[in-house]
Every structure is written in C-alpha cells, then in structure tokens.
C-alpha cells in the first residue's frame, strides 16, 4: 500500500511540474519537442509492427498452402493404396 501512495504522489508531482514548465515559453517549446519525438517514435513503432505483421501473414499463408498440399498428397496416396 505504501508503494501505491508513493506512486500516486509521483504521478501527481509530475503533473504539477509539467504544468509549471508549460507556463514558460521555453518550457512549452521543450514539451513540444518531446511530444514531436514521442510522435515520431510511435509512428516508427507502428510502421515496424505493420511490416512485421505483413511478413508473418505471408509466412502463415505459405505454411497453410504447404499443409493443404501435404493433405491432398496424403489423401491421394491413401486412395491409391486402397485401390490396390
């Protein structure tokens, strides 16, 4: 419980400090720069995620095709062996 109180105080203190920094024009510029950097970072992370997702989807599709081909080949082999 004590850790939760310190965490809440830290968050509240951070908001107070950010509000005070935002009142100063230099502070506004600094916060705008930080916001731009965070935006750039999240954009890059999103692009990398979508690229990886596309790559994985291609791999899954090729594995599914290979599995379907293996099932078809097995069915043909079973059908051929049952005719003999």
C-alpha atoms as a PDB file:
ATOM      1  CA  UNK A   1       0.000   0.000   0.000  1.00  0.00           C
ATOM      2  CA  UNK A   2       2.895   2.314   0.816  1.00  0.00           C
ATOM      3  CA  UNK A   3       4.324   1.857  -2.679  1.00  0.00           C
ATOM      4  CA  UNK A   4       0.972   2.775  -4.214  1.00  0.00           C
ATOM      5  CA  UNK A   5       0.882   6.012  -2.223  1.00  0.00           C
ATOM      6  CA  UNK A   6       4.397   6.943  -3.374  1.00  0.00           C
ATOM      7  CA  UNK A   7       3.461   6.094  -6.955  1.00  0.00           C
ATOM      8  CA  UNK A   8       0.353   8.305  -6.788  1.00  0.00           C
ATOM      9  CA  UNK A   9       2.371  11.147  -5.251  1.00  0.00           C
ATOM     10  CA  UNK A  10       4.965  10.801  -8.003  1.00  0.00           C
ATOM     11  CA  UNK A  11       2.339  10.944 -10.733  1.00  0.00           C
ATOM     12  CA  UNK A  12       0.646  13.959  -9.140  1.00  0.00           C
ATOM     13  CA  UNK A  13       4.014  15.676  -8.679  1.00  0.00           C
ATOM     14  CA  UNK A  14       4.867  15.022 -12.302  1.00  0.00           C
ATOM     15  CA  UNK A  15       1.644  16.656 -13.441  1.00  0.00           C
ATOM     16  CA  UNK A  16       2.312  19.693 -11.246  1.00  0.00           C
ATOM     17  CA  UNK A  17       5.858  20.078 -12.586  1.00  0.00           C
ATOM     18  CA  UNK A  18       4.679  19.631 -16.190  1.00  0.00           C
ATOM     19  CA  UNK A  19       2.020  22.301 -15.650  1.00  0.00           C
ATOM     20  CA  UNK A  20       4.599  24.714 -14.245  1.00  0.00           C
ATOM     21  CA  UNK A  21       7.033  24.014 -17.100  1.00  0.00           C
ATOM     22  CA  UNK A  22       4.242  24.521 -19.644  1.00  0.00           C
ATOM     23  CA  UNK A  23       3.636  28.077 -18.351  1.00  0.00           C
ATOM     24  CA  UNK A  24       7.104  29.182 -19.528  1.00  0.00           C
ATOM     25  CA  UNK A  25       7.590  29.721 -23.307  1.00  0.00           C
ATOM     26  CA  UNK A  26      10.872  27.793 -23.212  1.00  0.00           C
ATOM     27  CA  UNK A  27       9.102  25.018 -21.338  1.00  0.00           C
ATOM     28  CA  UNK A  28       6.351  24.945 -23.958  1.00  0.00           C
ATOM     29  CA  UNK A  29       8.987  24.626 -26.669  1.00  0.00           C
ATOM     30  CA  UNK A  30      10.704  21.813 -24.773  1.00  0.00           C
ATOM     31  CA  UNK A  31       7.425  19.944 -24.227  1.00  0.00           C
ATOM     32  CA  UNK A  32       6.508  20.405 -27.902  1.00  0.00           C
ATOM     33  CA  UNK A  33       9.883  18.925 -28.870  1.00  0.00           C
ATOM     34  CA  UNK A  34       9.344  15.970 -26.534  1.00  0.00           C
ATOM     35  CA  UNK A  35       5.847  15.467 -27.953  1.00  0.00           C
ATOM     36  CA  UNK A  36       7.229  15.512 -31.511  1.00  0.00           C
ATOM     37  CA  UNK A  37       9.869  12.932 -30.604  1.00  0.00           C
ATOM     38  CA  UNK A  38       7.280  10.690 -28.971  1.00  0.00           C
ATOM     39  CA  UNK A  39       5.063  11.021 -32.046  1.00  0.00           C
ATOM     40  CA  UNK A  40       7.960  10.099 -34.328  1.00  0.00           C
ATOM     41  CA  UNK A  41       8.800   7.103 -32.147  1.00  0.00           C
ATOM     42  CA  UNK A  42       5.224   5.811 -32.094  1.00  0.00           C
ATOM     43  CA  UNK A  43       4.943   6.263 -35.863  1.00  0.00           C
ATOM     44  CA  UNK A  44       8.102   4.214 -36.382  1.00  0.00           C
ATOM     45  CA  UNK A  45       6.900   1.519 -33.987  1.00  0.00           C
ATOM     46  CA  UNK A  46       3.550   1.359 -35.772  1.00  0.00           C
ATOM     47  CA  UNK A  47       5.225   1.054 -39.170  1.00  0.00           C
ATOM     48  CA  UNK A  48       7.541  -1.689 -37.905  1.00  0.00           C
ATOM     49  CA  UNK A  49       4.593  -3.553 -36.364  1.00  0.00           C
ATOM     50  CA  UNK A  50       2.576  -3.426 -39.579  1.00  0.00           C
ATOM     51  CA  UNK A  51       5.608  -4.543 -41.609  1.00  0.00           C
ATOM     52  CA  UNK A  52       6.225  -7.481 -39.274  1.00  0.00           C
ATOM     53  CA  UNK A  53       2.518  -8.361 -39.294  1.00  0.00           C
ATOM     54  CA  UNK A  54       2.536  -8.466 -43.104  1.00  0.00           C
ATOM     55  CA  UNK A  55       5.670 -10.600 -43.098  1.00  0.00           C
ATOM     56  CA  UNK A  56       4.171 -13.074 -40.618  1.00  0.00           C
ATOM     57  CA  UNK A  57       0.893 -13.210 -42.551  1.00  0.00           C
ATOM     58  CA  UNK A  58       2.866 -14.217 -45.658  1.00  0.00           C
ATOM     59  CA  UNK A  59       4.662 -16.960 -43.756  1.00  0.00           C
ATOM     60  CA  UNK A  60       1.389 -18.273 -42.306  1.00  0.00           C
ATOM     61  CA  UNK A  61      -0.188 -18.292 -45.754  1.00  0.00           C
ATOM     62  CA  UNK A  62       2.697 -20.254 -47.270  1.00  0.00           C
ATOM     63  CA  UNK A  63       2.609 -22.765 -44.391  1.00  0.00           C
ATOM     64  CA  UNK A  64      -1.148 -23.188 -44.834  1.00  0.00           C
ATOM     65  CA  UNK A  65      -0.659 -23.796 -48.563  1.00  0.00           C
ATOM     66  CA  UNK A  66       2.069 -26.358 -47.862  1.00  0.00           C
ATOM     67  CA  UNK A  67      -0.142 -28.109 -45.295  1.00  0.00           C
ATOM     68  CA  UNK A  68      -3.073 -28.225 -47.719  1.00  0.00           C
ATOM     69  CA  UNK A  69      -0.795 -29.671 -50.389  1.00  0.00           C
ATOM     70  CA  UNK A  70       0.502 -32.301 -47.944  1.00  0.00           C
ATOM     71  CA  UNK A  71      -3.060 -33.275 -47.001  1.00  0.00           C
ATOM     72  CA  UNK A  72      -4.040 -33.580 -50.660  1.00  0.00           C
ATOM     73  CA  UNK A  73      -0.979 -35.707 -51.421  1.00  0.00           C
ATOM     74  CA  UNK A  74      -1.702 -37.937 -48.423  1.00  0.00           C
ATOM     75  CA  UNK A  75      -5.327 -38.381 -49.492  1.00  0.00           C
ATOM     76  CA  UNK A  76      -4.196 -39.351 -52.990  1.00  0.00           C
ATOM     77  CA  UNK A  77      -1.687 -41.839 -51.574  1.00  0.00           C
ATOM     78  CA  UNK A  78      -4.318 -43.388 -49.301  1.00  0.00           C
ATOM     79  CA  UNK A  79      -6.807 -43.589 -52.171  1.00  0.00           C
ATOM     80  CA  UNK A  80      -4.201 -45.209 -54.447  1.00  0.00           C
ATOM     81  CA  UNK A  81      -3.204 -47.754 -51.795  1.00  0.00           C
ATOM     82  CA  UNK A  82      -6.821 -48.692 -51.066  1.00  0.00           C
ATOM     83  CA  UNK A  83      -7.421 -49.421 -54.773  1.00  0.00           C
ATOM     84  CA  UNK A  84      -4.591 -51.911 -54.857  1.00  0.00           C
END
